[in-house]
C-alpha atoms as a PDB file:
ATOM      1  CA  MET A   1      89.457  97.194 117.439  1.00  0.00           C
ATOM      2  CA  VAL A   2      92.464  98.026 119.608  1.00  0.00           C
ATOM      3  CA  LYS A   3      93.315 101.490 120.917  1.00  0.00           C
ATOM      4  CA  ILE A   4      96.968 102.504 120.556  1.00  0.00           C
ATOM      5  CA  GLY A   5      98.320 103.942 123.780  1.00  0.00           C
ATOM      6  CA  LYS A   6      96.761 107.226 124.829  1.00  0.00           C
ATOM      7  CA  SER A   7      96.212 108.266 121.205  1.00  0.00           C
ATOM      8  CA  SER A   8      93.004 108.304 119.176  1.00  0.00           C
ATOM      9  CA  VAL A   9      94.298 105.571 116.838  1.00  0.00           C
ATOM     10  CA  GLU A  10      92.229 102.402 116.704  1.00  0.00           C
ATOM     11  CA  THR A  11      93.208  99.419 114.629  1.00  0.00           C
ATOM     12  CA  THR A  12      92.650  95.722 114.163  1.00  0.00           C
ATOM     13  CA  PRO A  13      94.496  93.344 116.544  1.00  0.00           C
ATOM     14  CA  MET A  14      96.408  91.965 113.569  1.00  0.00           C
ATOM     15  CA  GLY A  15      98.490  94.034 111.191  1.00  0.00           C
ATOM     16  CA  LEU A  16     100.806  93.345 108.269  1.00  0.00           C
ATOM     17  CA  GLY A  17     104.572  93.615 108.585  1.00  0.00           C
ATOM     18  CA  THR A  18     105.807  94.839 105.202  1.00  0.00           C
ATOM     19  CA  ASN A  19     109.580  94.336 105.287  1.00  0.00           C
ATOM     20  CA  ALA A  20     109.117  91.821 102.438  1.00  0.00           C
ATOM     21  CA  VAL A  21     107.082  94.351 100.438  1.00  0.00           C
ATOM     22  CA  GLY A  22     109.803  96.204  98.564  1.00  0.00           C
ATOM     23  CA  GLY A  23     112.501  95.236 101.060  1.00  0.00           C
ATOM     24  CA  HIS A  24     115.006  94.136  98.426  1.00  0.00           C
ATOM     25  CA  ASN A  25     117.872  95.044 100.754  1.00  0.00           C
ATOM     26  CA  LEU A  26     116.539  92.530 103.303  1.00  0.00           C
ATOM     27  CA  PHE A  27     115.330  89.622 101.165  1.00  0.00           C
ATOM     28  CA  SER A  28     116.250  88.218  97.772  1.00  0.00           C
ATOM     29  CA  ASN A  29     113.870  87.456  94.893  1.00  0.00           C
ATOM     30  CA  LEU A  30     111.003  89.740  95.951  1.00  0.00           C
ATOM     31  CA  ASP A  31     108.261  90.524  93.415  1.00  0.00           C
ATOM     32  CA  ASP A  32     106.964  94.097  93.678  1.00  0.00           C
ATOM     33  CA  GLN A  33     103.637  93.290  92.056  1.00  0.00           C
ATOM     34  CA  GLU A  34     103.145  90.451  94.527  1.00  0.00           C
ATOM     35  CA  GLY A  35     103.989  92.968  97.271  1.00  0.00           C
ATOM     36  CA  ILE A  36     101.187  95.239  96.096  1.00  0.00           C
ATOM     37  CA  ARG A  37      98.787  92.296  95.994  1.00  0.00           C
ATOM     38  CA  ILE A  38      99.842  91.303  99.526  1.00  0.00           C
ATOM     39  CA  VAL A  39      98.913  94.752 100.845  1.00  0.00           C
ATOM     40  CA  GLN A  40      95.601  94.775  99.008  1.00  0.00           C
ATOM     41  CA  LYS A  41      94.717  91.260 100.145  1.00  0.00           C
ATOM     42  CA  SER A  42      95.569  92.184 103.718  1.00  0.00           C
ATOM     43  CA  ILE A  43      93.132  95.086 103.705  1.00  0.00           C
ATOM     44  CA  ALA A  44      90.441  92.992 101.968  1.00  0.00           C
ATOM     45  CA  SER A  45      90.899  90.360 104.705  1.00  0.00           C
ATOM     46  CA  GLY A  46      90.274  92.890 107.468  1.00  0.00           C
ATOM     47  CA  ILE A  47      93.957  93.355 108.387  1.00  0.00           C
ATOM     48  CA  THR A  48      94.163  97.127 108.140  1.00  0.00           C
ATOM     49  CA  LEU A  49      97.340  98.143 110.002  1.00  0.00           C
ATOM     50  CA  LEU A  50     100.285  98.327 107.592  1.00  0.00           C
ATOM     51  CA  ASP A  51     103.647  98.444 109.373  1.00  0.00           C
ATOM     52  CA  THR A  52     106.461  99.788 107.212  1.00  0.00           C
ATOM     53  CA  ALA A  53     109.739 101.728 107.517  1.00  0.00           C
ATOM     54  CA  PHE A  54     112.140 103.750 105.400  1.00  0.00           C
ATOM     55  CA  VAL A  55     114.817 101.064 105.758  1.00  0.00           C
ATOM     56  CA  TYR A  56     112.564  98.483 104.088  1.00  0.00           C
ATOM     57  CA  GLY A  57     114.004  98.976 100.619  1.00  0.00           C
ATOM     58  CA  LEU A  58     115.140 102.524 101.465  1.00  0.00           C
ATOM     59  CA  GLY A  59     111.661 103.868 100.827  1.00  0.00           C
ATOM     60  CA  GLU A  60     110.504 101.259  98.309  1.00  0.00           C
ATOM     61  CA  SER A  61     108.127  99.584 100.767  1.00  0.00           C
ATOM     62  CA  GLU A  62     106.398 102.895 101.442  1.00  0.00           C
ATOM     63  CA  LYS A  63     106.121 103.632  97.712  1.00  0.00           C
ATOM     64  CA  LEU A  64     104.544 100.234  96.997  1.00  0.00           C
ATOM     65  CA  ILE A  65     102.066 100.669  99.848  1.00  0.00           C
ATOM     66  CA  GLY A  66     101.171 104.080  98.442  1.00  0.00           C
ATOM     67  CA  GLN A  67     100.440 102.444  95.082  1.00  0.00           C
ATOM     68  CA  ALA A  68      98.506  99.582  96.667  1.00  0.00           C
ATOM     69  CA  ILE A  69      96.104 101.806  98.650  1.00  0.00           C
ATOM     70  CA  LYS A  70      95.548 104.408  95.939  1.00  0.00           C
ATOM     71  CA  GLY A  71      91.822 105.101  95.637  1.00  0.00           C
ATOM     72  CA  MET A  72      90.948 103.350  98.911  1.00  0.00           C
ATOM     73  CA  ASP A  73      89.218 104.981 101.883  1.00  0.00           C
ATOM     74  CA  ARG A  74      92.246 106.171 103.874  1.00  0.00           C
ATOM     75  CA  SER A  75      90.216 106.484 107.083  1.00  0.00           C
ATOM     76  CA  LYS A  76      89.772 102.702 107.111  1.00  0.00           C
ATOM     77  CA  ILE A  77      93.522 101.995 106.844  1.00  0.00           C
ATOM     78  CA  GLN A  78      96.145 102.545 109.526  1.00  0.00           C
ATOM     79  CA  ILE A  79      99.729 103.154 108.440  1.00  0.00           C
ATOM     80  CA  ALA A  80     102.725 102.936 110.744  1.00  0.00           C
ATOM     81  CA  SER A  81     106.175 103.908 109.514  1.00  0.00           C
ATOM     82  CA  LYS A  82     109.572 104.323 111.130  1.00  0.00           C
ATOM     83  CA  GLY A  83     112.649 106.449 110.670  1.00  0.00           C
ATOM     84  CA  ALA A  84     116.121 106.894 112.136  1.00  0.00           C
ATOM     85  CA  GLN A  85     118.427 105.990 109.255  1.00  0.00           C
ATOM     86  CA  LYS A  86     119.889 108.936 107.370  1.00  0.00           C
ATOM     87  CA  LEU A  87     121.178 108.055 103.911  1.00  0.00           C
ATOM     88  CA  GLN A  88     124.734 109.296 103.355  1.00  0.00           C
ATOM     89  CA  PRO A  89     126.283 110.351  99.998  1.00  0.00           C
ATOM     90  CA  ASP A  90     128.307 107.122  99.891  1.00  0.00           C
ATOM     91  CA  GLY A  91     125.156 105.022 100.293  1.00  0.00           C
ATOM     92  CA  SER A  92     125.724 104.147 103.944  1.00  0.00           C
ATOM     93  CA  LEU A  93     123.173 104.770 106.683  1.00  0.00           C
ATOM     94  CA  GLU A  94     123.764 106.844 109.803  1.00  0.00           C
ATOM     95  CA  LEU A  95     121.397 106.887 112.760  1.00  0.00           C
ATOM     96  CA  ASP A  96     119.843 110.269 113.533  1.00  0.00           C
ATOM     97  CA  ASN A  97     117.137 111.148 116.069  1.00  0.00           C
ATOM     98  CA  SER A  98     117.476 114.932 115.858  1.00  0.00           C
ATOM     99  CA  PRO A  99     114.222 116.927 115.654  1.00  0.00           C
ATOM    100  CA  GLU A 100     115.263 118.274 112.254  1.00  0.00           C
ATOM    101  CA  PHE A 101     115.853 114.818 110.843  1.00  0.00           C
ATOM    102  CA  LEU A 102     112.638 113.362 112.293  1.00  0.00           C
ATOM    103  CA  ARG A 103     110.557 116.187 110.827  1.00  0.00           C
ATOM    104  CA  GLN A 104     112.092 115.574 107.408  1.00  0.00           C
ATOM    105  CA  ALA A 105     111.738 111.792 107.767  1.00  0.00           C
ATOM    106  CA  VAL A 106     107.999 112.152 108.398  1.00  0.00           C
ATOM    107  CA  GLU A 107     107.565 114.504 105.427  1.00  0.00           C
ATOM    108  CA  ASP A 108     109.485 112.107 103.168  1.00  0.00           C
ATOM    109  CA  SER A 109     107.375 109.143 104.340  1.00  0.00           C
ATOM    110  CA  LEU A 110     104.174 111.058 103.650  1.00  0.00           C
ATOM    111  CA  LYS A 111     105.330 111.787 100.086  1.00  0.00           C
ATOM    112  CA  ARG A 112     106.313 108.194  99.372  1.00  0.00           C
ATOM    113  CA  LEU A 113     103.046 106.872 100.815  1.00  0.00           C
ATOM    114  CA  ASN A 114     101.051 109.608  99.074  1.00  0.00           C
ATOM    115  CA  THR A 115      99.087 110.396 102.228  1.00  0.00           C
ATOM    116  CA  ASP A 116      98.485 113.418 104.462  1.00  0.00           C
ATOM    117  CA  TYR A 117      99.184 111.732 107.788  1.00  0.00           C
ATOM    118  CA  LEU A 118     100.682 108.677 109.454  1.00  0.00           C
ATOM    119  CA  ASP A 119      98.687 106.873 112.108  1.00  0.00           C
ATOM    120  CA  ILE A 120     101.903 105.906 113.924  1.00  0.00           C
ATOM    121  CA  PHE A 121     105.473 107.073 113.465  1.00  0.00           C
ATOM    122  CA  TYR A 122     108.247 105.249 115.307  1.00  0.00           C
ATOM    123  CA  ILE A 123     111.759 106.316 116.171  1.00  0.00           C
ATOM    124  CA  HIS A 124     113.205 103.164 114.642  1.00  0.00           C
ATOM    125  CA  PHE A 125     116.527 103.001 116.536  1.00  0.00           C
ATOM    126  CA  PRO A 126     118.206 105.141 119.196  1.00  0.00           C
ATOM    127  CA  ALA A 127     121.081 107.180 117.748  1.00  0.00           C
ATOM    128  CA  GLY A 128     122.772 107.930 121.068  1.00  0.00           C
ATOM    129  CA  LYS A 129     123.159 111.665 120.469  1.00  0.00           C
ATOM    130  CA  THR A 130     119.801 113.425 120.801  1.00  0.00           C
ATOM    131  CA  PRO A 131     118.137 112.842 124.204  1.00  0.00           C
ATOM    132  CA  LEU A 132     115.230 110.523 123.479  1.00  0.00           C
ATOM    133  CA  ASN A 133     112.676 112.683 125.304  1.00  0.00           C
ATOM    134  CA  GLU A 134     113.660 115.577 123.012  1.00  0.00           C
ATOM    135  CA  ALA A 135     113.196 113.352 119.964  1.00  0.00           C
ATOM    136  CA  VAL A 136     109.762 112.302 121.237  1.00  0.00           C
ATOM    137  CA  SER A 137     108.898 115.964 121.913  1.00  0.00           C
ATOM    138  CA  ALA A 138     109.631 116.716 118.252  1.00  0.00           C
ATOM    139  CA  LEU A 139     107.213 113.956 117.248  1.00  0.00           C
ATOM    140  CA  ASN A 140     104.645 115.430 119.625  1.00  0.00           C
ATOM    141  CA  ASP A 141     104.865 118.701 117.685  1.00  0.00           C
ATOM    142  CA  LEU A 142     104.135 116.728 114.508  1.00  0.00           C
ATOM    143  CA  LYS A 143     101.228 115.052 116.306  1.00  0.00           C
ATOM    144  CA  LYS A 144      99.780 118.447 117.222  1.00  0.00           C
ATOM    145  CA  ALA A 145     100.196 119.504 113.584  1.00  0.00           C
ATOM    146  CA  GLY A 146      98.205 116.466 112.385  1.00  0.00           C
ATOM    147  CA  LYS A 147     101.142 114.877 110.551  1.00  0.00           C
ATOM    148  CA  ILE A 148     101.117 111.826 112.829  1.00  0.00           C
ATOM    149  CA  ARG A 149      98.459 110.480 115.198  1.00  0.00           C
ATOM    150  CA  ALA A 150     100.499 108.353 117.603  1.00  0.00           C
ATOM    151  CA  ILE A 151     104.122 108.353 118.780  1.00  0.00           C
ATOM    152  CA  GLY A 152     106.128 105.139 118.721  1.00  0.00           C
ATOM    153  CA  VAL A 153     109.598 103.965 119.689  1.00  0.00           C
ATOM    154  CA  SER A 154     111.457 100.800 118.752  1.00  0.00           C
ATOM    155  CA  ASN A 155     114.620  98.879 119.603  1.00  0.00           C
ATOM    156  CA  LEU A 156     115.082 100.611 122.958  1.00  0.00           C
ATOM    157  CA  SER A 157     116.413  99.255 126.212  1.00  0.00           C
ATOM    158  CA  LYS A 158     114.166  99.631 129.261  1.00  0.00           C
ATOM    159  CA  ASP A 159     116.176 102.660 130.458  1.00  0.00           C
ATOM    160  CA  GLN A 160     115.967 104.255 127.018  1.00  0.00           C
ATOM    161  CA  LEU A 161     112.216 103.679 126.948  1.00  0.00           C
ATOM    162  CA  ILE A 162     111.844 105.406 130.316  1.00  0.00           C
ATOM    163  CA  GLU A 163     113.928 108.323 129.020  1.00  0.00           C
ATOM    164  CA  ALA A 164     111.842 108.556 125.846  1.00  0.00           C
ATOM    165  CA  ASN A 165     108.635 108.534 127.881  1.00  0.00           C
ATOM    166  CA  ARG A 166     109.813 111.119 130.430  1.00  0.00           C
ATOM    167  CA  ASP A 167     106.886 113.392 129.552  1.00  0.00           C
ATOM    168  CA  GLY A 168     104.368 110.549 129.143  1.00  0.00           C
ATOM    169  CA  LEU A 169     104.120 111.063 125.373  1.00  0.00           C
ATOM    170  CA  VAL A 170     104.979 107.590 124.041  1.00  0.00           C
ATOM    171  CA  ASP A 171     101.943 105.681 122.753  1.00  0.00           C
ATOM    172  CA  VAL A 172     103.463 102.438 121.473  1.00  0.00           C
ATOM    173  CA  ASP A 173     106.641 100.384 121.790  1.00  0.00           C
ATOM    174  CA  GLU A 174     107.667  97.935 119.051  1.00  0.00           C
ATOM    175  CA  GLU A 175     110.300  95.386 120.026  1.00  0.00           C
ATOM    176  CA  GLN A 176     111.434  91.907 119.071  1.00  0.00           C
ATOM    177  CA  TYR A 177     109.228  89.388 120.843  1.00  0.00           C
ATOM    178  CA  SER A 178     108.065  85.892 120.048  1.00  0.00           C
ATOM    179  CA  LEU A 179     107.616  82.527 121.714  1.00  0.00           C
ATOM    180  CA  ILE A 180     111.377  82.154 121.196  1.00  0.00           C
ATOM    181  CA  HIS A 181     112.328  85.677 122.350  1.00  0.00           C
ATOM    182  CA  ARG A 182     110.376  86.417 125.551  1.00  0.00           C
ATOM    183  CA  GLU A 183     112.747  88.743 127.403  1.00  0.00           C
ATOM    184  CA  MET A 184     110.253  91.612 127.185  1.00  0.00           C
ATOM    185  CA  GLU A 185     107.893  89.861 129.588  1.00  0.00           C
ATOM    186  CA  GLN A 186     110.233  90.464 132.527  1.00  0.00           C
ATOM    187  CA  ASP A 187     111.923  93.540 131.109  1.00  0.00           C
ATOM    188  CA  ARG A 188     109.014  95.920 130.508  1.00  0.00           C
ATOM    189  CA  PHE A 189     105.488  94.514 130.324  1.00  0.00           C
ATOM    190  CA  ASP A 190     104.603  95.866 133.787  1.00  0.00           C
ATOM    191  CA  TYR A 191     105.981  99.307 132.884  1.00  0.00           C
ATOM    192  CA  LEU A 192     104.072  99.409 129.589  1.00  0.00           C
ATOM    193  CA  LYS A 193     100.811  98.557 131.349  1.00  0.00           C
ATOM    194  CA  GLN A 194     101.441 101.160 134.035  1.00  0.00           C
ATOM    195  CA  GLU A 195     102.170 103.877 131.449  1.00  0.00           C
ATOM    196  CA  GLN A 196      99.348 102.878 129.058  1.00  0.00           C
ATOM    197  CA  ILE A 197     101.836 102.190 126.265  1.00  0.00           C
ATOM    198  CA  SER A 198     100.781  99.637 123.658  1.00  0.00           C
ATOM    199  CA  PHE A 199     103.147  96.818 122.744  1.00  0.00           C
ATOM    200  CA  VAL A 200     103.675  95.551 119.197  1.00  0.00           C
ATOM    201  CA  PRO A 201     106.051  92.596 118.710  1.00  0.00           C
ATOM    202  CA  TYR A 202     108.126  92.362 115.554  1.00  0.00           C
ATOM    203  CA  PHE A 203     109.361  89.049 114.143  1.00  0.00           C
ATOM    204  CA  PRO A 204     106.407  87.273 115.836  1.00  0.00           C
ATOM    205  CA  LEU A 205     107.037  84.172 113.726  1.00  0.00           C
ATOM    206  CA  ALA A 206     110.804  84.346 114.371  1.00  0.00           C
ATOM    207  CA  SER A 207     111.697  84.766 110.683  1.00  0.00           C
ATOM    208  CA  GLY A 208     109.718  81.622 109.840  1.00  0.00           C
ATOM    209  CA  LEU A 209     111.015  79.329 112.595  1.00  0.00           C
ATOM    210  CA  LEU A 210     107.598  79.329 114.271  1.00  0.00           C
ATOM    211  CA  THR A 211     105.767  78.418 111.077  1.00  0.00           C
ATOM    212  CA  GLY A 212     106.925  74.797 111.293  1.00  0.00           C
ATOM    213  CA  LYS A 213     108.312  74.803 107.755  1.00  0.00           C
ATOM    214  CA  TYR A 214     111.961  74.394 108.762  1.00  0.00           C
ATOM    215  CA  GLN A 215     112.405  70.799 109.888  1.00  0.00           C
ATOM    216  CA  GLU A 216     116.014  70.635 108.770  1.00  0.00           C
ATOM    217  CA  GLU A 217     118.827  73.191 108.887  1.00  0.00           C
ATOM    218  CA  GLN A 218     119.086  75.453 105.861  1.00  0.00           C
ATOM    219  CA  SER A 219     121.596  78.027 104.701  1.00  0.00           C
ATOM    220  CA  PHE A 220     120.588  81.506 103.583  1.00  0.00           C
ATOM    221  CA  PRO A 221     122.413  83.944 101.282  1.00  0.00           C
ATOM    222  CA  VAL A 222     124.468  86.824 102.645  1.00  0.00           C
ATOM    223  CA  GLY A 223     122.155  89.787 103.146  1.00  0.00           C
ATOM    224  CA  ASP A 224     119.191  87.633 104.182  1.00  0.00           C
ATOM    225  CA  VAL A 225     118.112  88.474 107.747  1.00  0.00           C
ATOM    226  CA  ARG A 226     118.339  84.749 108.597  1.00  0.00           C
ATOM    227  CA  HIS A 227     121.932  84.298 107.390  1.00  0.00           C
ATOM    228  CA  ASP A 228     123.588  84.982 110.762  1.00  0.00           C
ATOM    229  CA  ASP A 229     120.684  84.048 113.039  1.00  0.00           C
ATOM    230  CA  PRO A 230     121.973  81.427 115.538  1.00  0.00           C
ATOM    231  CA  ASN A 231     118.438  80.080 115.952  1.00  0.00           C
ATOM    232  CA  PHE A 232     118.735  78.542 112.481  1.00  0.00           C
ATOM    233  CA  LYS A 233     121.896  76.593 113.297  1.00  0.00           C
ATOM    234  CA  GLY A 234     123.136  73.613 115.281  1.00  0.00           C
ATOM    235  CA  GLN A 235     121.795  72.554 118.648  1.00  0.00           C
ATOM    236  CA  GLN A 236     119.786  75.748 119.070  1.00  0.00           C
ATOM    237  CA  PHE A 237     117.820  74.971 115.912  1.00  0.00           C
ATOM    238  CA  LYS A 238     117.223  71.371 117.022  1.00  0.00           C
ATOM    239  CA  GLU A 239     115.904  72.430 120.430  1.00  0.00           C
ATOM    240  CA  ILE A 240     113.550  75.007 118.950  1.00  0.00           C
ATOM    241  CA  ASN A 241     112.284  72.494 116.406  1.00  0.00           C
ATOM    242  CA  GLN A 242     111.482  70.017 119.192  1.00  0.00           C
ATOM    243  CA  ARG A 243     109.273  72.650 120.802  1.00  0.00           C
ATOM    244  CA  VAL A 244     107.675  73.461 117.453  1.00  0.00           C
ATOM    245  CA  ASP A 245     106.595  69.792 117.303  1.00  0.00           C
ATOM    246  CA  VAL A 246     104.083  70.638 120.060  1.00  0.00           C
ATOM    247  CA  LEU A 247     102.685  73.382 117.820  1.00  0.00           C
ATOM    248  CA  ARG A 248     102.514  70.951 114.905  1.00  0.00           C
ATOM    249  CA  ARG A 249     100.351  68.590 116.954  1.00  0.00           C
ATOM    250  CA  LEU A 250      98.003  71.389 118.019  1.00  0.00           C
ATOM    251  CA  ALA A 251      97.784  72.643 114.446  1.00  0.00           C
ATOM    252  CA  ALA A 252      96.841  69.170 113.230  1.00  0.00           C
ATOM    253  CA  GLU A 253      94.128  68.888 115.884  1.00  0.00           C
ATOM    254  CA  HIS A 254      92.621  72.230 114.843  1.00  0.00           C
ATOM    255  CA  GLU A 255      93.221  71.532 111.130  1.00  0.00           C
ATOM    256  CA  VAL A 256      95.120  74.806 110.712  1.00  0.00           C
ATOM    257  CA  SER A 257      98.743  75.785 110.081  1.00  0.00           C
ATOM    258  CA  VAL A 258     101.405  76.081 112.761  1.00  0.00           C
ATOM    259  CA  ALA A 259     101.689  79.825 112.115  1.00  0.00           C
ATOM    260  CA  GLU A 260      97.953  80.249 112.696  1.00  0.00           C
ATOM    261  CA  VAL A 261      98.245  78.569 116.111  1.00  0.00           C
ATOM    262  CA  VAL A 262     101.148  80.827 117.102  1.00  0.00           C
ATOM    263  CA  LEU A 263      99.341  83.985 115.989  1.00  0.00           C
ATOM    264  CA  ALA A 264      96.216  82.892 117.838  1.00  0.00           C
ATOM    265  CA  TRP A 265      98.316  82.605 121.025  1.00  0.00           C
ATOM    266  CA  TYR A 266      99.573  86.184 120.600  1.00  0.00           C
ATOM    267  CA  LEU A 267      96.045  87.452 119.982  1.00  0.00           C
ATOM    268  CA  LYS A 268      94.980  86.038 123.354  1.00  0.00           C
ATOM    269  CA  ASN A 269      97.917  87.661 125.169  1.00  0.00           C
ATOM    270  CA  PRO A 270      96.635  90.787 126.988  1.00  0.00           C
ATOM    271  CA  ALA A 271     100.115  92.346 126.963  1.00  0.00           C
ATOM    272  CA  ILE A 272     100.158  92.460 123.148  1.00  0.00           C
ATOM    273  CA  SER A 273      98.149  95.139 121.368  1.00  0.00           C
ATOM    274  CA  VAL A 274      98.743  94.246 117.726  1.00  0.00           C
ATOM    275  CA  VAL A 275     100.665  91.383 116.127  1.00  0.00           C
ATOM    276  CA  ILE A 276     102.262  92.147 112.736  1.00  0.00           C
ATOM    277  CA  PRO A 277     103.345  88.999 110.864  1.00  0.00           C
ATOM    278  CA  GLY A 278     104.952  89.557 107.500  1.00  0.00           C
ATOM    279  CA  ALA A 279     104.159  87.831 104.229  1.00  0.00           C
ATOM    280  CA  LYS A 280     105.955  87.125 100.965  1.00  0.00           C
ATOM    281  CA  LYS A 281     102.915  85.598  99.270  1.00  0.00           C
ATOM    282  CA  VAL A 282      99.223  86.435  99.158  1.00  0.00           C
ATOM    283  CA  SER A 283      98.439  82.948 100.450  1.00  0.00           C
ATOM    284  CA  GLN A 284     100.369  83.736 103.651  1.00  0.00           C
ATOM    285  CA  VAL A 285      98.142  86.751 104.278  1.00  0.00           C
ATOM    286  CA  GLU A 286      95.101  84.527 103.897  1.00  0.00           C
ATOM    287  CA  ASP A 287      96.531  82.062 106.420  1.00  0.00           C
ATOM    288  CA  ASN A 288      97.382  84.836 108.873  1.00  0.00           C
ATOM    289  CA  ALA A 289      93.821  86.169 108.710  1.00  0.00           C
ATOM    290  CA  LYS A 290      92.425  82.735 109.606  1.00  0.00           C
ATOM    291  CA  SER A 291      94.120  82.897 113.006  1.00  0.00           C
ATOM    292  CA  LEU A 292      91.605  85.561 114.040  1.00  0.00           C
ATOM    293  CA  ASN A 293      88.986  82.808 114.183  1.00  0.00           C
ATOM    294  CA  ILE A 294      90.946  80.058 115.972  1.00  0.00           C
ATOM    295  CA  LYS A 295      89.648  79.208 119.439  1.00  0.00           C
ATOM    296  CA  LEU A 296      92.404  77.899 121.683  1.00  0.00           C
ATOM    297  CA  ASN A 297      91.196  76.719 125.084  1.00  0.00           C
ATOM    298  CA  GLU A 298      92.954  77.596 128.350  1.00  0.00           C
ATOM    299  CA  GLN A 299      94.791  74.280 128.494  1.00  0.00           C
ATOM    300  CA  GLU A 300      96.164  74.753 124.979  1.00  0.00           C
ATOM    301  CA  LEU A 301      97.221  78.335 125.688  1.00  0.00           C
ATOM    302  CA  LEU A 302      99.033  77.174 128.823  1.00  0.00           C
ATOM    303  CA  LEU A 303     100.687  74.274 126.986  1.00  0.00           C
ATOM    304  CA  ILE A 304     102.122  76.659 124.383  1.00  0.00           C
ATOM    305  CA  ASP A 305     103.233  79.070 127.092  1.00  0.00           C
ATOM    306  CA  GLN A 306     105.022  76.401 129.124  1.00  0.00           C
ATOM    307  CA  THR A 307     106.584  74.686 126.100  1.00  0.00           C
ATOM    308  CA  PHE A 308     108.396  77.907 125.167  1.00  0.00           C
ATOM    309  CA  LYS A 309     108.868  79.344 128.659  1.00  0.00           C
END
């Protein structure tokens, strides 16, 4: 089990990213019943941290998770949700970090999830209006009230993170990080360690690029998170795929999938508290769980590190 920041939250070192559970605004052709099965299979496999957000289907992900865990022992499940997007009458979203909005966002998440508390609640994006330390202070009031157990922030610059943590109240930081996106190593890992703030990377499999399944360029429909991603196009895609060939060889030697090798590398990284790969199929959850048992030796860990440095 992994302790989250300075909070009392403990969770497994692998969680489930649920943007493809009910996230119809992010992905096409999602099956809600499969989403429920994905959540249930995750918990049955010992992956008990469920990472969701309002913006994943505008609340649909939270509702499906609430259905999936109904009747289960809540104390054995950790739920993290996020909020910052305020739905406008015209259907657009406006960022809001005000204390009033955050209090309402937490209450709304609790209703959709059908639970009394959230183990982690993240400020999903900075809005640029409310000082971030004031927003975090509002979450601390909710923590004292038992509505949330740990305070998180996401999508912040280093300076914004320092502002948010002015009173030492931030427990966990969730940012984009993968073998392809490693800027956080120089940007903030030392600060996070110094301040006892846990780090959770999102997009750890780089939207599928690090699974080894894309050996040729593909196009994705408008609205798909991969549609405008430059990593899926041209020379950038070719260079990444050449590096992924190293992972393919390691995966073959261990008789596991490429994704399992990548996740095993994250699990051995002391700077990472919890890794949260997503899944669109139950079989992907099963594969993710297998990475908990892969033993990469020091030479293999270094090879992966240097290949993607």
